[in-house]
Amino acid sequence: KNTHGIPTLIRIEMARDMKNSDKEKQKIQKKQNENKKNNDKTREELKSEWIENPSYDDVLRLNLYKECGGFCSYTGKAISRSQLFSSASEIDIEHIIPYSRSLDDSYMNKTLCYADFNRAKKKNFTPWELGQVDPEWYSQVMKRIESFPWGKKKRFEQQEVDTDEFISRQLNDTRYICKEVKSFSEALVGKDHVEVTKWGLT
């Protein structure tokens, strides 16, 4: 029986994160608060203009849309807001480094991409790998993402995805466990009430 109602927030903190100094934890907390504030602002914007009850995916889409300036990072084609939220699935939320190869589901590994390009050409490749086939295309992509956060631009430049070494495998296991715990918690209380320290900090 849920006597006290839904928790305001469930914070999942990985074991290695607990070794951080108080100063490091405060820095992480400050960033998380900034992200929450930004997401709340985006949610209110969606409510007032587009969607009565915005989902986590809706908020993510609009944040990515603003970040890329309304253009597909890969094709350079403009994306309208109607396309962004269309049920026709014209626009994908795309993992820059393929999730199947990295298990990186963080915000820094996501951008918007036209679905036809994502499924026909991007597939399971990294931007750098595609750039070896078409350097001119890659050069244009890198110009389009100049204003992206450093961590995201780094993924567009990343040349290797090494998941074979022992440490990488252990990190992947940690990410997987964290993702499953997050999914389970969200199923209980909803996405808006669950917060996880991103894997890059653990």
N, C-alpha and C. Protein backbone atom coordinates (compact mmCIF):
# COMPACT_ATOMS: atom_id res chain seq x y z
N LYS A 1 0.84 -1.19 0.00
CA LYS A 1 0.00 0.00 0.00
C LYS A 1 0.88 1.25 0.00
N ASN A 2 0.61 2.20 -0.87
CA ASN A 2 1.39 3.42 -0.97
C ASN A 2 0.81 4.47 -0.02
N THR A 3 1.25 4.42 1.23
CA THR A 3 0.68 5.27 2.28
C THR A 3 0.96 6.75 2.09
N HIS A 4 2.19 7.07 1.63
CA HIS A 4 2.63 8.46 1.58
C HIS A 4 2.62 9.05 0.17
N GLY A 5 2.06 8.33 -0.80
CA GLY A 5 2.00 8.85 -2.16
C GLY A 5 3.30 8.65 -2.92
N ILE A 6 3.38 9.23 -4.11
CA ILE A 6 4.56 9.08 -4.97
C ILE A 6 5.70 9.95 -4.45
N PRO A 7 6.92 9.39 -4.38
CA PRO A 7 8.07 10.19 -3.92
C PRO A 7 8.31 11.38 -4.84
N THR A 8 8.77 12.48 -4.28
CA THR A 8 9.10 13.65 -5.09
C THR A 8 10.24 13.31 -6.04
N LEU A 9 11.21 12.53 -5.55
CA LEU A 9 12.36 12.18 -6.38
C LEU A 9 13.05 10.94 -5.84
N ILE A 10 13.37 10.00 -6.75
CA ILE A 10 14.23 8.88 -6.43
C ILE A 10 15.56 9.14 -7.11
N ARG A 11 16.62 9.29 -6.34
CA ARG A 11 17.94 9.53 -6.92
C ARG A 11 18.76 8.25 -6.81
N ILE A 12 19.18 7.73 -7.94
CA ILE A 12 19.99 6.51 -7.99
C ILE A 12 21.45 6.93 -8.11
N GLU A 13 22.21 6.68 -7.06
CA GLU A 13 23.61 7.08 -7.02
C GLU A 13 24.48 5.83 -7.08
N MET A 14 25.31 5.72 -8.11
CA MET A 14 26.16 4.55 -8.26
C MET A 14 27.25 4.53 -7.19
N ALA A 15 27.70 3.31 -6.84
CA ALA A 15 28.64 3.13 -5.73
C ALA A 15 29.90 3.96 -5.89
N ARG A 16 30.49 3.99 -7.09
CA ARG A 16 31.74 4.70 -7.28
C ARG A 16 31.55 6.21 -7.15
N ASP A 17 30.32 6.68 -7.40
CA ASP A 17 30.03 8.09 -7.24
C ASP A 17 30.13 8.51 -5.78
N MET A 18 29.87 7.58 -4.87
CA MET A 18 29.86 7.89 -3.46
C MET A 18 31.26 8.21 -2.94
N LYS A 19 32.30 7.88 -3.75
CA LYS A 19 33.67 8.19 -3.36
C LYS A 19 34.05 9.62 -3.70
N ASN A 20 33.19 10.32 -4.43
CA ASN A 20 33.48 11.70 -4.78
C ASN A 20 33.56 12.57 -3.53
N SER A 21 34.38 13.62 -3.60
CA SER A 21 34.48 14.57 -2.51
C SER A 21 33.19 15.37 -2.41
N ASP A 22 33.01 16.05 -1.28
CA ASP A 22 31.81 16.87 -1.12
C ASP A 22 31.73 17.94 -2.21
N LYS A 23 32.89 18.49 -2.58
CA LYS A 23 32.93 19.52 -3.61
C LYS A 23 32.48 18.96 -4.95
N GLU A 24 32.93 17.74 -5.27
CA GLU A 24 32.54 17.10 -6.54
C GLU A 24 31.05 16.78 -6.53
N LYS A 25 30.55 16.32 -5.39
CA LYS A 25 29.12 16.01 -5.30
C LYS A 25 28.27 17.28 -5.45
N GLN A 26 28.75 18.38 -4.87
CA GLN A 26 28.03 19.64 -5.00
C GLN A 26 27.99 20.11 -6.45
N LYS A 27 29.10 19.89 -7.16
CA LYS A 27 29.18 20.26 -8.57
C LYS A 27 28.19 19.45 -9.38
N ILE A 28 28.12 18.14 -9.10
CA ILE A 28 27.19 17.26 -9.78
C ILE A 28 25.74 17.68 -9.48
N GLN A 29 25.48 17.96 -8.20
CA GLN A 29 24.14 18.35 -7.79
C GLN A 29 23.72 19.65 -8.46
N LYS A 30 24.66 20.59 -8.57
CA LYS A 30 24.37 21.87 -9.22
C LYS A 30 23.99 21.65 -10.68
N LYS A 31 24.72 20.78 -11.37
CA LYS A 31 24.43 20.49 -12.77
C LYS A 31 23.08 19.81 -12.91
N GLN A 32 22.79 18.88 -12.01
CA GLN A 32 21.50 18.20 -12.06
C GLN A 32 20.34 19.17 -11.83
N ASN A 33 20.54 20.11 -10.92
CA ASN A 33 19.50 21.12 -10.65
C ASN A 33 19.29 22.01 -11.87
N GLU A 34 20.38 22.36 -12.55
CA GLU A 34 20.29 23.17 -13.76
C GLU A 34 19.52 22.42 -14.84
N ASN A 35 19.82 21.12 -14.99
CA ASN A 35 19.13 20.30 -15.99
C ASN A 35 17.64 20.20 -15.68
N LYS A 36 17.32 20.02 -14.40
CA LYS A 36 15.93 19.91 -14.00
C LYS A 36 15.19 21.22 -14.27
N LYS A 37 15.84 22.33 -13.95
CA LYS A 37 15.24 23.64 -14.18
C LYS A 37 14.97 23.86 -15.67
N ASN A 38 15.93 23.48 -16.49
CA ASN A 38 15.77 23.62 -17.94
C ASN A 38 14.65 22.72 -18.46
N ASN A 39 14.59 21.49 -17.95
CA ASN A 39 13.54 20.56 -18.38
C ASN A 39 12.16 21.05 -17.96
N ASP A 40 12.08 21.62 -16.76
CA ASP A 40 10.79 22.16 -16.28
C ASP A 40 10.35 23.32 -17.18
N LYS A 41 11.31 24.15 -17.57
CA LYS A 41 11.01 25.29 -18.44
C LYS A 41 10.53 24.79 -19.81
N THR A 42 11.20 23.77 -20.34
CA THR A 42 10.81 23.19 -21.63
C THR A 42 9.42 22.57 -21.54
N ARG A 43 9.16 21.89 -20.43
CA ARG A 43 7.84 21.26 -20.24
C ARG A 43 6.72 22.30 -20.24
N GLU A 44 6.96 23.42 -19.56
CA GLU A 44 5.96 24.49 -19.52
C GLU A 44 5.75 25.10 -20.91
N GLU A 45 6.83 25.22 -21.65
CA GLU A 45 6.74 25.74 -23.03
C GLU A 45 5.89 24.82 -23.90
N LEU A 46 6.09 23.54 -23.75
CA LEU A 46 5.31 22.57 -24.51
C LEU A 46 3.83 22.62 -24.13
N LYS A 47 3.56 22.77 -22.86
CA LYS A 47 2.18 22.84 -22.39
C LYS A 47 1.47 24.06 -22.96
N SER A 48 2.16 25.17 -23.03
CA SER A 48 1.54 26.41 -23.48
C SER A 48 1.38 26.48 -25.00
N GLU A 49 2.21 25.74 -25.74
CA GLU A 49 2.19 25.87 -27.20
C GLU A 49 1.77 24.62 -27.95
N TRP A 50 2.09 23.44 -27.41
CA TRP A 50 1.93 22.24 -28.23
C TRP A 50 1.21 21.08 -27.57
N ILE A 51 1.71 20.65 -26.42
CA ILE A 51 1.26 19.38 -25.86
C ILE A 51 0.76 19.58 -24.43
N GLU A 52 -0.43 19.11 -24.17
CA GLU A 52 -1.05 19.32 -22.86
C GLU A 52 -0.30 18.59 -21.75
N ASN A 53 0.09 17.33 -22.01
CA ASN A 53 0.83 16.55 -21.02
C ASN A 53 2.13 16.03 -21.64
N PRO A 54 3.17 16.85 -21.68
CA PRO A 54 4.43 16.46 -22.32
C PRO A 54 5.09 15.26 -21.64
N SER A 55 5.58 14.35 -22.45
CA SER A 55 6.31 13.19 -21.93
C SER A 55 7.80 13.53 -21.83
N TYR A 56 8.55 12.62 -21.24
CA TYR A 56 10.02 12.78 -21.17
C TYR A 56 10.59 12.90 -22.58
N ASP A 57 10.08 12.09 -23.50
CA ASP A 57 10.55 12.12 -24.88
C ASP A 57 10.25 13.46 -25.55
N ASP A 58 9.09 14.04 -25.25
CA ASP A 58 8.73 15.35 -25.82
C ASP A 58 9.72 16.42 -25.35
N VAL A 59 10.03 16.41 -24.06
CA VAL A 59 10.97 17.38 -23.50
C VAL A 59 12.35 17.21 -24.12
N LEU A 60 12.78 15.96 -24.25
CA LEU A 60 14.08 15.67 -24.84
C LEU A 60 14.14 16.16 -26.28
N ARG A 61 13.09 15.91 -27.04
CA ARG A 61 13.05 16.34 -28.44
C ARG A 61 13.19 17.85 -28.58
N LEU A 62 12.45 18.59 -27.75
CA LEU A 62 12.50 20.04 -27.88
C LEU A 62 13.86 20.59 -27.44
N ASN A 63 14.45 20.00 -26.40
CA ASN A 63 15.79 20.43 -25.97
C ASN A 63 16.82 20.18 -27.07
N LEU A 64 16.75 19.02 -27.71
CA LEU A 64 17.68 18.71 -28.80
C LEU A 64 17.43 19.62 -30.01
N TYR A 65 16.16 19.93 -30.23
CA TYR A 65 15.78 20.80 -31.34
C TYR A 65 16.40 22.18 -31.18
N LYS A 66 16.31 22.71 -29.97
CA LYS A 66 16.91 24.02 -29.70
C LYS A 66 18.42 23.96 -29.85
N GLU A 67 19.00 22.88 -29.38
CA GLU A 67 20.46 22.74 -29.43
C GLU A 67 20.99 22.73 -30.85
N CYS A 68 20.29 22.05 -31.75
CA CYS A 68 20.77 21.94 -33.14
C CYS A 68 20.23 23.06 -34.03
N GLY A 69 19.51 24.01 -33.43
CA GLY A 69 19.03 25.15 -34.18
C GLY A 69 17.95 24.83 -35.20
N GLY A 70 17.28 23.68 -35.01
CA GLY A 70 16.20 23.30 -35.92
C GLY A 70 16.68 22.67 -37.22
N PHE A 71 17.90 22.16 -37.22
CA PHE A 71 18.45 21.50 -38.41
C PHE A 71 18.97 20.11 -38.05
N CYS A 72 18.82 19.16 -38.97
CA CYS A 72 19.36 17.82 -38.79
C CYS A 72 20.88 17.90 -38.80
N SER A 73 21.51 17.36 -37.78
CA SER A 73 22.97 17.43 -37.67
C SER A 73 23.67 16.74 -38.84
N TYR A 74 23.05 15.73 -39.41
CA TYR A 74 23.69 14.92 -40.45
C TYR A 74 23.40 15.38 -41.87
N THR A 75 22.16 15.80 -42.12
CA THR A 75 21.79 16.17 -43.49
C THR A 75 21.79 17.68 -43.72
N GLY A 76 21.68 18.44 -42.65
CA GLY A 76 21.60 19.89 -42.79
C GLY A 76 20.21 20.38 -43.15
N LYS A 77 19.25 19.46 -43.29
CA LYS A 77 17.89 19.83 -43.65
C LYS A 77 17.16 20.42 -42.44
N ALA A 78 16.34 21.42 -42.71
CA ALA A 78 15.57 22.07 -41.64
C ALA A 78 14.53 21.09 -41.09
N ILE A 79 14.25 21.23 -39.79
CA ILE A 79 13.24 20.41 -39.13
C ILE A 79 12.18 21.36 -38.57
N SER A 80 10.95 21.16 -38.95
CA SER A 80 9.87 21.99 -38.40
C SER A 80 9.39 21.37 -37.09
N ARG A 81 8.71 22.20 -36.29
CA ARG A 81 8.21 21.66 -35.02
C ARG A 81 7.10 20.64 -35.25
N SER A 82 6.36 20.80 -36.33
CA SER A 82 5.32 19.82 -36.62
C SER A 82 5.95 18.47 -36.96
N GLN A 83 7.07 18.48 -37.67
CA GLN A 83 7.80 17.24 -37.95
C GLN A 83 8.36 16.63 -36.68
N LEU A 84 8.84 17.49 -35.80
CA LEU A 84 9.48 17.04 -34.57
C LEU A 84 8.56 16.18 -33.72
N PHE A 85 7.27 16.55 -33.69
CA PHE A 85 6.30 15.82 -32.86
C PHE A 85 5.29 15.02 -33.68
N SER A 86 5.60 14.81 -34.95
CA SER A 86 4.69 14.09 -35.82
C SER A 86 4.65 12.60 -35.48
N SER A 87 3.47 12.03 -35.58
CA SER A 87 3.32 10.58 -35.35
C SER A 87 3.88 9.77 -36.51
N ALA A 88 4.24 10.45 -37.59
CA ALA A 88 4.79 9.77 -38.77
C ALA A 88 6.25 9.37 -38.57
N SER A 89 6.83 9.78 -37.45
CA SER A 89 8.21 9.41 -37.11
C SER A 89 9.22 9.83 -38.18
N GLU A 90 9.11 11.06 -38.64
CA GLU A 90 10.06 11.58 -39.62
C GLU A 90 11.42 11.87 -39.01
N ILE A 91 11.42 12.19 -37.71
CA ILE A 91 12.65 12.60 -37.04
C ILE A 91 12.98 11.63 -35.91
N ASP A 92 14.20 11.11 -35.93
CA ASP A 92 14.67 10.21 -34.89
C ASP A 92 15.51 10.95 -33.85
N ILE A 93 15.42 10.49 -32.59
CA ILE A 93 16.43 10.85 -31.61
C ILE A 93 17.54 9.82 -31.80
N GLU A 94 18.68 10.28 -32.25
CA GLU A 94 19.74 9.38 -32.73
C GLU A 94 20.93 9.35 -31.78
N HIS A 95 21.47 8.14 -31.55
CA HIS A 95 22.69 8.00 -30.74
C HIS A 95 23.91 8.25 -31.62
N ILE A 96 24.69 9.25 -31.28
CA ILE A 96 25.86 9.62 -32.07
C ILE A 96 26.84 8.44 -32.15
N ILE A 97 27.23 7.92 -31.00
CA ILE A 97 27.96 6.64 -30.95
C ILE A 97 26.90 5.58 -30.75
N PRO A 98 26.71 4.66 -31.69
CA PRO A 98 25.59 3.71 -31.61
C PRO A 98 25.45 3.06 -30.24
N TYR A 99 24.22 3.05 -29.75
CA TYR A 99 23.96 2.52 -28.42
C TYR A 99 24.38 1.05 -28.31
N SER A 100 24.17 0.28 -29.37
CA SER A 100 24.49 -1.14 -29.34
C SER A 100 25.99 -1.38 -29.15
N ARG A 101 26.80 -0.37 -29.48
CA ARG A 101 28.25 -0.51 -29.36
C ARG A 101 28.81 0.17 -28.12
N SER A 102 28.04 1.07 -27.53
CA SER A 102 28.57 1.84 -26.41
C SER A 102 27.74 1.76 -25.13
N LEU A 103 26.46 1.42 -25.28
CA LEU A 103 25.49 1.45 -24.18
C LEU A 103 25.43 2.84 -23.54
N ASP A 104 25.77 3.86 -24.31
CA ASP A 104 25.75 5.25 -23.84
C ASP A 104 24.41 5.87 -24.21
N ASP A 105 23.53 5.98 -23.22
CA ASP A 105 22.20 6.54 -23.45
C ASP A 105 22.09 7.95 -22.85
N SER A 106 23.24 8.59 -22.64
CA SER A 106 23.25 9.92 -22.03
C SER A 106 22.80 10.98 -23.03
N TYR A 107 22.42 12.13 -22.49
CA TYR A 107 22.02 13.26 -23.34
C TYR A 107 23.14 13.64 -24.29
N MET A 108 24.39 13.57 -23.83
CA MET A 108 25.53 13.97 -24.65
C MET A 108 25.76 13.04 -25.83
N ASN A 109 25.08 11.92 -25.87
CA ASN A 109 25.23 10.99 -26.99
C ASN A 109 24.00 11.01 -27.90
N LYS A 110 23.19 12.07 -27.80
CA LYS A 110 21.96 12.12 -28.59
C LYS A 110 21.86 13.41 -29.40
N THR A 111 21.29 13.29 -30.59
CA THR A 111 20.97 14.44 -31.42
C THR A 111 19.77 14.07 -32.29
N LEU A 112 19.31 15.03 -33.10
CA LEU A 112 18.17 14.76 -33.99
C LEU A 112 18.67 14.42 -35.39
N CYS A 113 17.95 13.51 -36.04
CA CYS A 113 18.35 13.08 -37.38
C CYS A 113 17.11 12.67 -38.16
N TYR A 114 17.08 13.02 -39.44
CA TYR A 114 16.00 12.53 -40.29
C TYR A 114 16.01 11.00 -40.29
N ALA A 115 14.84 10.41 -40.07
CA ALA A 115 14.74 8.97 -39.90
C ALA A 115 15.27 8.21 -41.12
N ASP A 116 15.00 8.71 -42.32
CA ASP A 116 15.45 7.97 -43.51
C ASP A 116 16.98 7.91 -43.59
N PHE A 117 17.66 9.00 -43.21
CA PHE A 117 19.12 8.99 -43.20
C PHE A 117 19.64 8.08 -42.09
N ASN A 118 19.03 8.19 -40.93
CA ASN A 118 19.48 7.41 -39.78
C ASN A 118 19.39 5.91 -40.07
N ARG A 119 18.32 5.49 -40.69
CA ARG A 119 18.08 4.06 -40.89
C ARG A 119 18.73 3.50 -42.15
N ALA A 120 18.97 4.38 -43.13
CA ALA A 120 19.55 3.90 -44.39
C ALA A 120 21.07 4.09 -44.46
N LYS A 121 21.58 5.14 -43.78
CA LYS A 121 23.01 5.45 -43.92
C LYS A 121 23.77 5.46 -42.59
N LYS A 122 23.22 6.12 -41.58
CA LYS A 122 23.94 6.20 -40.30
C LYS A 122 24.05 4.82 -39.67
N LYS A 123 22.93 4.14 -39.61
CA LYS A 123 22.88 2.76 -39.11
C LYS A 123 23.68 2.60 -37.82
N ASN A 124 24.65 1.67 -37.85
CA ASN A 124 25.44 1.34 -36.66
C ASN A 124 26.84 1.93 -36.73
N PHE A 125 26.99 3.01 -37.53
CA PHE A 125 28.30 3.63 -37.68
C PHE A 125 28.42 4.87 -36.80
N THR A 126 29.65 5.28 -36.54
CA THR A 126 29.89 6.55 -35.88
C THR A 126 30.01 7.62 -36.96
N PRO A 127 29.85 8.90 -36.61
CA PRO A 127 30.04 9.95 -37.62
C PRO A 127 31.43 9.90 -38.25
N TRP A 128 32.44 9.65 -37.43
CA TRP A 128 33.81 9.59 -37.95
C TRP A 128 33.97 8.47 -38.97
N GLU A 129 33.38 7.31 -38.70
CA GLU A 129 33.47 6.19 -39.64
C GLU A 129 32.81 6.52 -40.97
N LEU A 130 31.66 7.17 -40.94
CA LEU A 130 31.00 7.59 -42.18
C LEU A 130 31.84 8.64 -42.89
N GLY A 131 32.53 9.46 -42.10
CA GLY A 131 33.35 10.51 -42.68
C GLY A 131 34.55 10.00 -43.45
N GLN A 132 34.97 8.79 -43.16
CA GLN A 132 36.09 8.21 -43.90
C GLN A 132 35.67 7.84 -45.32
N VAL A 133 34.38 7.61 -45.51
CA VAL A 133 33.84 7.31 -46.83
C VAL A 133 33.53 8.60 -47.59
N ASP A 134 33.07 9.62 -46.85
CA ASP A 134 32.69 10.89 -47.49
C ASP A 134 33.23 12.05 -46.65
N PRO A 135 34.51 12.40 -46.83
CA PRO A 135 35.13 13.48 -46.04
C PRO A 135 34.45 14.83 -46.18
N GLU A 136 33.93 15.15 -47.36
CA GLU A 136 33.26 16.43 -47.56
C GLU A 136 31.99 16.51 -46.72
N TRP A 137 31.23 15.42 -46.71
CA TRP A 137 30.02 15.36 -45.88
C TRP A 137 30.39 15.54 -44.41
N TYR A 138 31.42 14.87 -43.96
CA TYR A 138 31.86 14.94 -42.57
C TYR A 138 32.29 16.35 -42.19
N SER A 139 32.96 17.02 -43.10
CA SER A 139 33.38 18.39 -42.86
C SER A 139 32.18 19.30 -42.64
N GLN A 140 31.13 19.10 -43.42
CA GLN A 140 29.91 19.89 -43.29
C GLN A 140 29.21 19.60 -41.96
N VAL A 141 29.20 18.34 -41.57
CA VAL A 141 28.60 17.96 -40.28
C VAL A 141 29.31 18.66 -39.14
N MET A 142 30.64 18.65 -39.16
CA MET A 142 31.42 19.24 -38.08
C MET A 142 31.20 20.75 -38.00
N LYS A 143 30.95 21.39 -39.13
CA LYS A 143 30.64 22.82 -39.12
C LYS A 143 29.28 23.07 -38.48
N ARG A 144 28.32 22.16 -38.77
CA ARG A 144 26.97 22.33 -38.24
C ARG A 144 26.91 22.17 -36.72
N ILE A 145 27.84 21.42 -36.15
CA ILE A 145 27.76 21.14 -34.71
C ILE A 145 28.76 21.98 -33.90
N GLU A 146 29.30 23.03 -34.50
CA GLU A 146 30.30 23.85 -33.82
C GLU A 146 29.81 24.42 -32.49
N SER A 147 28.52 24.69 -32.40
CA SER A 147 27.97 25.29 -31.17
C SER A 147 27.54 24.24 -30.14
N PHE A 148 27.69 22.96 -30.45
CA PHE A 148 27.30 21.89 -29.53
C PHE A 148 28.21 21.88 -28.30
N PRO A 149 27.74 21.32 -27.18
CA PRO A 149 28.60 21.18 -26.00
C PRO A 149 29.83 20.35 -26.33
N TRP A 150 30.90 20.60 -25.61
CA TRP A 150 32.17 19.92 -25.87
C TRP A 150 32.04 18.40 -25.86
N GLY A 151 31.33 17.87 -24.85
CA GLY A 151 31.18 16.42 -24.73
C GLY A 151 30.47 15.80 -25.91
N LYS A 152 29.57 16.54 -26.52
CA LYS A 152 28.84 16.03 -27.68
C LYS A 152 29.69 16.11 -28.94
N LYS A 153 30.43 17.22 -29.10
CA LYS A 153 31.32 17.35 -30.26
C LYS A 153 32.39 16.27 -30.22
N LYS A 154 32.85 15.92 -29.04
CA LYS A 154 33.87 14.88 -28.89
C LYS A 154 33.38 13.55 -29.44
N ARG A 155 32.11 13.27 -29.26
CA ARG A 155 31.56 12.01 -29.78
C ARG A 155 31.49 12.02 -31.31
N PHE A 156 31.23 13.18 -31.90
CA PHE A 156 31.23 13.28 -33.36
C PHE A 156 32.64 13.06 -33.93
N GLU A 157 33.65 13.34 -33.11
CA GLU A 157 35.04 13.19 -33.56
C GLU A 157 35.65 11.84 -33.18
N GLN A 158 34.98 11.10 -32.32
CA GLN A 158 35.54 9.87 -31.77
C GLN A 158 35.84 8.84 -32.86
N GLN A 159 37.08 8.33 -32.87
CA GLN A 159 37.52 7.43 -33.92
C GLN A 159 37.37 5.96 -33.56
N GLU A 160 37.41 5.64 -32.27
CA GLU A 160 37.34 4.24 -31.86
C GLU A 160 36.24 4.05 -30.81
N VAL A 161 35.61 2.90 -30.89
CA VAL A 161 34.65 2.49 -29.88
C VAL A 161 35.14 1.16 -29.35
N ASP A 162 35.89 1.21 -28.25
CA ASP A 162 36.54 0.01 -27.73
C ASP A 162 35.76 -0.55 -26.55
N THR A 163 35.07 -1.64 -26.78
CA THR A 163 34.31 -2.29 -25.70
C THR A 163 34.86 -3.67 -25.40
N ASP A 164 36.06 -3.97 -25.88
CA ASP A 164 36.62 -5.31 -25.72
C ASP A 164 37.47 -5.45 -24.45
N GLU A 165 38.05 -4.36 -24.00
CA GLU A 165 38.92 -4.44 -22.84
C GLU A 165 38.12 -4.66 -21.56
N PHE A 166 38.78 -5.17 -20.55
CA PHE A 166 38.12 -5.52 -19.30
C PHE A 166 37.41 -4.33 -18.67
N ILE A 167 38.08 -3.19 -18.59
CA ILE A 167 37.48 -2.02 -17.95
C ILE A 167 36.23 -1.58 -18.68
N SER A 168 36.29 -1.60 -20.01
CA SER A 168 35.12 -1.20 -20.80
C SER A 168 33.95 -2.12 -20.55
N ARG A 169 34.23 -3.42 -20.45
CA ARG A 169 33.16 -4.37 -20.20
C ARG A 169 32.52 -4.12 -18.83
N GLN A 170 33.37 -3.80 -17.85
CA GLN A 170 32.84 -3.54 -16.52
C GLN A 170 31.96 -2.28 -16.50
N LEU A 171 32.41 -1.27 -17.23
CA LEU A 171 31.62 -0.05 -17.31
C LEU A 171 30.29 -0.30 -18.01
N ASN A 172 30.33 -1.13 -19.05
CA ASN A 172 29.09 -1.46 -19.75
C ASN A 172 28.11 -2.18 -18.84
N ASP A 173 28.64 -3.10 -18.00
CA ASP A 173 27.79 -3.80 -17.05
C ASP A 173 27.15 -2.82 -16.08
N THR A 174 27.96 -1.84 -15.63
CA THR A 174 27.45 -0.83 -14.70
C THR A 174 26.36 -0.01 -15.35
N ARG A 175 26.59 0.38 -16.60
CA ARG A 175 25.59 1.17 -17.32
C ARG A 175 24.29 0.38 -17.48
N TYR A 176 24.45 -0.91 -17.81
CA TYR A 176 23.28 -1.74 -18.02
C TYR A 176 22.46 -1.87 -16.74
N ILE A 177 23.15 -2.14 -15.64
CA ILE A 177 22.48 -2.27 -14.35
C ILE A 177 21.77 -0.98 -13.99
N CYS A 178 22.49 0.14 -14.19
CA CYS A 178 21.92 1.44 -13.87
C CYS A 178 20.67 1.69 -14.71
N LYS A 179 20.72 1.34 -15.98
CA LYS A 179 19.59 1.54 -16.89
C LYS A 179 18.39 0.70 -16.44
N GLU A 180 18.66 -0.55 -16.02
CA GLU A 180 17.57 -1.42 -15.60
C GLU A 180 16.94 -0.93 -14.30
N VAL A 181 17.78 -0.48 -13.36
CA VAL A 181 17.25 0.05 -12.10
C VAL A 181 16.41 1.29 -12.38
N LYS A 182 16.89 2.14 -13.30
CA LYS A 182 16.18 3.36 -13.66
C LYS A 182 14.82 3.00 -14.28
N SER A 183 14.80 2.04 -15.21
CA SER A 183 13.57 1.63 -15.87
C SER A 183 12.56 1.08 -14.85
N PHE A 184 13.06 0.27 -13.91
CA PHE A 184 12.19 -0.32 -12.89
C PHE A 184 11.59 0.78 -12.01
N SER A 185 12.43 1.74 -11.61
CA SER A 185 11.95 2.82 -10.75
C SER A 185 10.94 3.69 -11.48
N GLU A 186 11.20 3.96 -12.76
CA GLU A 186 10.28 4.78 -13.56
C GLU A 186 8.93 4.10 -13.71
N ALA A 187 8.95 2.77 -13.83
CA ALA A 187 7.70 2.02 -13.96
C ALA A 187 6.86 2.16 -12.68
N LEU A 188 7.54 2.34 -11.56
CA LEU A 188 6.84 2.46 -10.28
C LEU A 188 6.30 3.86 -10.02
N VAL A 189 7.14 4.88 -10.32
CA VAL A 189 6.76 6.23 -9.92
C VAL A 189 6.70 7.24 -11.06
N GLY A 190 7.11 6.85 -12.29
CA GLY A 190 7.09 7.77 -13.42
C GLY A 190 8.45 8.40 -13.67
N LYS A 191 8.71 8.73 -14.92
CA LYS A 191 10.03 9.25 -15.33
C LYS A 191 10.41 10.55 -14.63
N ASP A 192 9.43 11.39 -14.36
CA ASP A 192 9.72 12.70 -13.79
C ASP A 192 10.17 12.61 -12.34
N HIS A 193 10.09 11.43 -11.74
CA HIS A 193 10.44 11.28 -10.32
C HIS A 193 11.71 10.46 -10.11
N VAL A 194 12.46 10.22 -11.20
CA VAL A 194 13.69 9.41 -11.11
C VAL A 194 14.87 10.18 -11.68
N GLU A 195 15.97 10.16 -10.96
CA GLU A 195 17.18 10.87 -11.41
C GLU A 195 18.37 9.96 -11.21
N VAL A 196 19.23 9.84 -12.24
CA VAL A 196 20.40 8.98 -12.16
C VAL A 196 21.65 9.77 -12.50
N THR A 197 22.68 9.61 -11.71
CA THR A 197 23.96 10.24 -12.02
C THR A 197 24.47 9.63 -13.30
N LYS A 198 24.83 10.47 -14.30
CA LYS A 198 25.22 9.94 -15.60
C LYS A 198 26.46 9.08 -15.51
N TRP A 199 26.51 8.07 -16.39
CA TRP A 199 27.54 7.03 -16.29
C TRP A 199 28.95 7.56 -16.40
N GLY A 200 29.16 8.66 -17.12
CA GLY A 200 30.51 9.19 -17.31
C GLY A 200 31.16 9.65 -16.02
N LEU A 201 30.37 9.85 -14.96
CA LEU A 201 30.91 10.32 -13.70
C LEU A 201 31.19 9.18 -12.73
N THR A 202 30.84 7.94 -13.10
CA THR A 202 30.98 6.83 -12.16
C THR A 202 32.22 6.01 -12.43
